[in-house]
Amino acid sequence: MKLSLVSVPVQDPVKAHEIYTTQLGFQSKEFDPEALLAVVVSPEAPDGTAMLLEPCQGSFAETYQRAAYEANLPIMVFSAADPEAELLRLQAAGIELRPELDRPEYGLRNLFEDGCGNLVMIEQAER
């Protein structure tokens, strides 16, 4: 069995699609703004796991998203060959980094806001 699609709660899928493709660097796989359907993939693995940017307003996912954010917990973890360089690239693209939330003793570091209501973490990619 293989993971093919994950649902990520976002406040606005159209805005999230814009952020994920222009600032975070993902590729659009499927996008229908009228249907609030936004699916993105990593350009490093376009046939890999896709992310459905799921509207969460008015659903249980909104409560989950807010609780994770308020607890300073990342909702997902990305990997990069050079996390420090990736964070600098994201910051230059307008993404808000959250180094004050780093907690190495818990394995939390390299946190940033995705601009859609979530905290995200970048870890060192396995070689």
C-alpha atoms as a PDB file:
ATOM      1  CA  MET A   1       0.000   0.000   0.000  1.00  0.00           C
ATOM      2  CA  LYS A   2       1.210   3.525  -0.783  1.00  0.00           C
ATOM      3  CA  LEU A   3       0.130   6.976   0.416  1.00  0.00           C
ATOM      4  CA  SER A   4      -1.233   8.921  -2.558  1.00  0.00           C
ATOM      5  CA  LEU A   5      -3.218  11.886  -1.173  1.00  0.00           C
ATOM      6  CA  VAL A   6      -3.350  13.733   2.148  1.00  0.00           C
ATOM      7  CA  SER A   7      -5.853  16.353   3.222  1.00  0.00           C
ATOM      8  CA  VAL A   8      -4.448  19.537   4.727  1.00  0.00           C
ATOM      9  CA  PRO A   9      -6.918  21.903   6.402  1.00  0.00           C
ATOM     10  CA  VAL A  10      -6.710  25.472   5.088  1.00  0.00           C
ATOM     11  CA  GLN A  11      -8.880  28.512   5.654  1.00  0.00           C
ATOM     12  CA  ASP A  12      -9.172  29.357   1.940  1.00  0.00           C
ATOM     13  CA  PRO A  13      -8.189  26.780  -0.723  1.00  0.00           C
ATOM     14  CA  VAL A  14      -7.844  29.403  -3.464  1.00  0.00           C
ATOM     15  CA  LYS A  15      -5.459  31.511  -1.368  1.00  0.00           C
ATOM     16  CA  ALA A  16      -3.694  28.344  -0.187  1.00  0.00           C
ATOM     17  CA  HIS A  17      -3.171  27.221  -3.790  1.00  0.00           C
ATOM     18  CA  GLU A  18      -1.568  30.574  -4.565  1.00  0.00           C
ATOM     19  CA  ILE A  19       0.728  30.401  -1.511  1.00  0.00           C
ATOM     20  CA  TYR A  20       1.672  26.759  -1.988  1.00  0.00           C
ATOM     21  CA  THR A  21       2.509  27.203  -5.669  1.00  0.00           C
ATOM     22  CA  THR A  22       4.127  30.665  -5.714  1.00  0.00           C
ATOM     23  CA  GLN A  23       5.789  30.939  -2.305  1.00  0.00           C
ATOM     24  CA  LEU A  24       6.299  27.380  -1.089  1.00  0.00           C
ATOM     25  CA  GLY A  25       7.247  26.049  -4.530  1.00  0.00           C
ATOM     26  CA  PHE A  26       4.764  23.214  -5.018  1.00  0.00           C
ATOM     27  CA  GLN A  27       3.211  22.402  -8.402  1.00  0.00           C
ATOM     28  CA  SER A  28      -0.486  22.517  -9.114  1.00  0.00           C
ATOM     29  CA  LYS A  29      -1.914  19.105  -9.905  1.00  0.00           C
ATOM     30  CA  GLU A  30      -5.584  20.045  -9.978  1.00  0.00           C
ATOM     31  CA  PHE A  31      -7.205  23.410  -9.392  1.00  0.00           C
ATOM     32  CA  ASP A  32     -10.837  24.470  -9.715  1.00  0.00           C
ATOM     33  CA  PRO A  33     -11.379  27.707  -7.764  1.00  0.00           C
ATOM     34  CA  GLU A  34     -15.171  27.608  -8.183  1.00  0.00           C
ATOM     35  CA  ALA A  35     -15.318  24.155  -6.588  1.00  0.00           C
ATOM     36  CA  LEU A  36     -12.694  25.125  -3.966  1.00  0.00           C
ATOM     37  CA  LEU A  37     -10.610  22.194  -5.234  1.00  0.00           C
ATOM     38  CA  ALA A  38      -6.863  22.635  -4.903  1.00  0.00           C
ATOM     39  CA  VAL A  39      -4.352  19.786  -5.129  1.00  0.00           C
ATOM     40  CA  VAL A  40      -0.590  20.338  -5.186  1.00  0.00           C
ATOM     41  CA  VAL A  41       2.481  18.111  -5.427  1.00  0.00           C
ATOM     42  CA  SER A  42       6.175  18.476  -4.842  1.00  0.00           C
ATOM     43  CA  PRO A  43       8.121  19.318  -8.000  1.00  0.00           C
ATOM     44  CA  GLU A  44      10.695  16.809  -6.735  1.00  0.00           C
ATOM     45  CA  ALA A  45       8.080  14.019  -6.834  1.00  0.00           C
ATOM     46  CA  PRO A  46       5.216  15.079  -9.150  1.00  0.00           C
ATOM     47  CA  ASP A  47       3.868  11.524  -9.174  1.00  0.00           C
ATOM     48  CA  GLY A  48       4.279  11.182  -5.408  1.00  0.00           C
ATOM     49  CA  THR A  49       1.917  12.005  -2.585  1.00  0.00           C
ATOM     50  CA  ALA A  50      -0.413  14.903  -3.374  1.00  0.00           C
ATOM     51  CA  MET A  51      -1.864  17.404  -0.898  1.00  0.00           C
ATOM     52  CA  LEU A  52      -5.531  18.303  -1.036  1.00  0.00           C
ATOM     53  CA  LEU A  53      -5.817  21.834   0.353  1.00  0.00           C
ATOM     54  CA  GLU A  54      -9.096  21.187   2.126  1.00  0.00           C
ATOM     55  CA  PRO A  55     -11.408  24.026   3.182  1.00  0.00           C
ATOM     56  CA  CYS A  56     -11.894  23.710   6.910  1.00  0.00           C
ATOM     57  CA  GLN A  57     -14.193  26.595   7.807  1.00  0.00           C
ATOM     58  CA  GLY A  58     -17.275  25.437   9.674  1.00  0.00           C
ATOM     59  CA  SER A  59     -16.054  21.872  10.112  1.00  0.00           C
ATOM     60  CA  PHE A  60     -14.323  19.796  12.782  1.00  0.00           C
ATOM     61  CA  ALA A  61     -11.084  20.393  10.871  1.00  0.00           C
ATOM     62  CA  GLU A  62     -11.245  24.094  11.734  1.00  0.00           C
ATOM     63  CA  THR A  63     -11.230  23.206  15.442  1.00  0.00           C
ATOM     64  CA  TYR A  64      -8.321  20.803  14.897  1.00  0.00           C
ATOM     65  CA  GLN A  65      -6.356  23.352  12.863  1.00  0.00           C
ATOM     66  CA  ARG A  66      -6.827  26.106  15.444  1.00  0.00           C
ATOM     67  CA  ALA A  67      -5.920  23.780  18.346  1.00  0.00           C
ATOM     68  CA  ALA A  68      -2.716  22.598  16.649  1.00  0.00           C
ATOM     69  CA  TYR A  69      -1.741  26.180  15.815  1.00  0.00           C
ATOM     70  CA  GLU A  70      -2.440  27.458  19.336  1.00  0.00           C
ATOM     71  CA  ALA A  71      -0.421  24.554  20.780  1.00  0.00           C
ATOM     72  CA  ASN A  72       2.480  25.555  18.464  1.00  0.00           C
ATOM     73  CA  LEU A  73       2.451  22.139  16.795  1.00  0.00           C
ATOM     74  CA  PRO A  74       3.237  21.658  13.116  1.00  0.00           C
ATOM     75  CA  ILE A  75       0.409  20.132  11.143  1.00  0.00           C
ATOM     76  CA  MET A  76       2.866  18.521   8.721  1.00  0.00           C
ATOM     77  CA  VAL A  77       6.580  18.110   8.119  1.00  0.00           C
ATOM     78  CA  PHE A  78       8.409  18.692   4.842  1.00  0.00           C
ATOM     79  CA  SER A  79      11.967  17.564   4.136  1.00  0.00           C
ATOM     80  CA  ALA A  80      14.716  19.391   2.275  1.00  0.00           C
ATOM     81  CA  ALA A  81      18.320  18.582   1.454  1.00  0.00           C
ATOM     82  CA  ASP A  82      19.324  21.881   3.082  1.00  0.00           C
ATOM     83  CA  PRO A  83      16.636  23.057   5.541  1.00  0.00           C
ATOM     84  CA  GLU A  84      18.518  26.265   6.404  1.00  0.00           C
ATOM     85  CA  ALA A  85      18.753  27.312   2.756  1.00  0.00           C
ATOM     86  CA  GLU A  86      15.111  26.382   2.230  1.00  0.00           C
ATOM     87  CA  LEU A  87      14.049  28.522   5.190  1.00  0.00           C
ATOM     88  CA  LEU A  88      15.984  31.476   3.759  1.00  0.00           C
ATOM     89  CA  ARG A  89      14.277  30.948   0.388  1.00  0.00           C
ATOM     90  CA  LEU A  90      10.860  30.824   2.060  1.00  0.00           C
ATOM     91  CA  GLN A  91      11.569  33.933   4.097  1.00  0.00           C
ATOM     92  CA  ALA A  92      12.634  35.788   0.935  1.00  0.00           C
ATOM     93  CA  ALA A  93       9.319  34.669  -0.626  1.00  0.00           C
ATOM     94  CA  GLY A  94       7.384  36.284   2.236  1.00  0.00           C
ATOM     95  CA  ILE A  95       6.783  33.256   4.458  1.00  0.00           C
ATOM     96  CA  GLU A  96       6.839  33.972   8.214  1.00  0.00           C
ATOM     97  CA  LEU A  97       9.441  31.897  10.032  1.00  0.00           C
ATOM     98  CA  ARG A  98       8.798  31.001  13.676  1.00  0.00           C
ATOM     99  CA  PRO A  99      12.229  30.272  15.242  1.00  0.00           C
ATOM    100  CA  GLU A 100      10.906  31.274  18.671  1.00  0.00           C
ATOM    101  CA  LEU A 101       8.827  28.082  18.625  1.00  0.00           C
ATOM    102  CA  ASP A 102      11.808  25.767  18.093  1.00  0.00           C
ATOM    103  CA  ARG A 103      12.001  23.121  20.821  1.00  0.00           C
ATOM    104  CA  PRO A 104      14.957  20.846  19.998  1.00  0.00           C
ATOM    105  CA  GLU A 105      14.301  18.755  23.103  1.00  0.00           C
ATOM    106  CA  TYR A 106      11.000  17.710  21.469  1.00  0.00           C
ATOM    107  CA  GLY A 107      12.438  17.488  17.962  1.00  0.00           C
ATOM    108  CA  LEU A 108      10.595  20.634  16.832  1.00  0.00           C
ATOM    109  CA  ARG A 109      12.611  23.123  14.803  1.00  0.00           C
ATOM    110  CA  ASN A 110      12.553  25.011  11.534  1.00  0.00           C
ATOM    111  CA  LEU A 111       8.933  26.027  11.985  1.00  0.00           C
ATOM    112  CA  PHE A 112       7.108  28.423   9.682  1.00  0.00           C
ATOM    113  CA  GLU A 113       3.561  29.552   8.975  1.00  0.00           C
ATOM    114  CA  ASP A 114       2.034  28.422   5.705  1.00  0.00           C
ATOM    115  CA  GLY A 115      -0.166  31.539   5.541  1.00  0.00           C
ATOM    116  CA  CYS A 116      -3.266  29.343   5.612  1.00  0.00           C
ATOM    117  CA  GLY A 117      -3.624  28.786   9.359  1.00  0.00           C
ATOM    118  CA  ASN A 118      -1.008  26.063   9.837  1.00  0.00           C
ATOM    119  CA  LEU A 119       2.444  25.697  11.312  1.00  0.00           C
ATOM    120  CA  VAL A 120       4.786  23.541   9.230  1.00  0.00           C
ATOM    121  CA  MET A 121       8.219  22.100   9.975  1.00  0.00           C
ATOM    122  CA  ILE A 122      11.138  21.375   7.658  1.00  0.00           C
ATOM    123  CA  GLU A 123      13.516  18.557   8.517  1.00  0.00           C
ATOM    124  CA  GLN A 124      16.731  17.324   6.977  1.00  0.00           C
ATOM    125  CA  ALA A 125      15.998  14.963   4.091  1.00  0.00           C
ATOM    126  CA  GLU A 126      17.431  11.487   4.390  1.00  0.00           C
ATOM    127  CA  ARG A 127      20.227  10.831   1.976  1.00  0.00           C
END
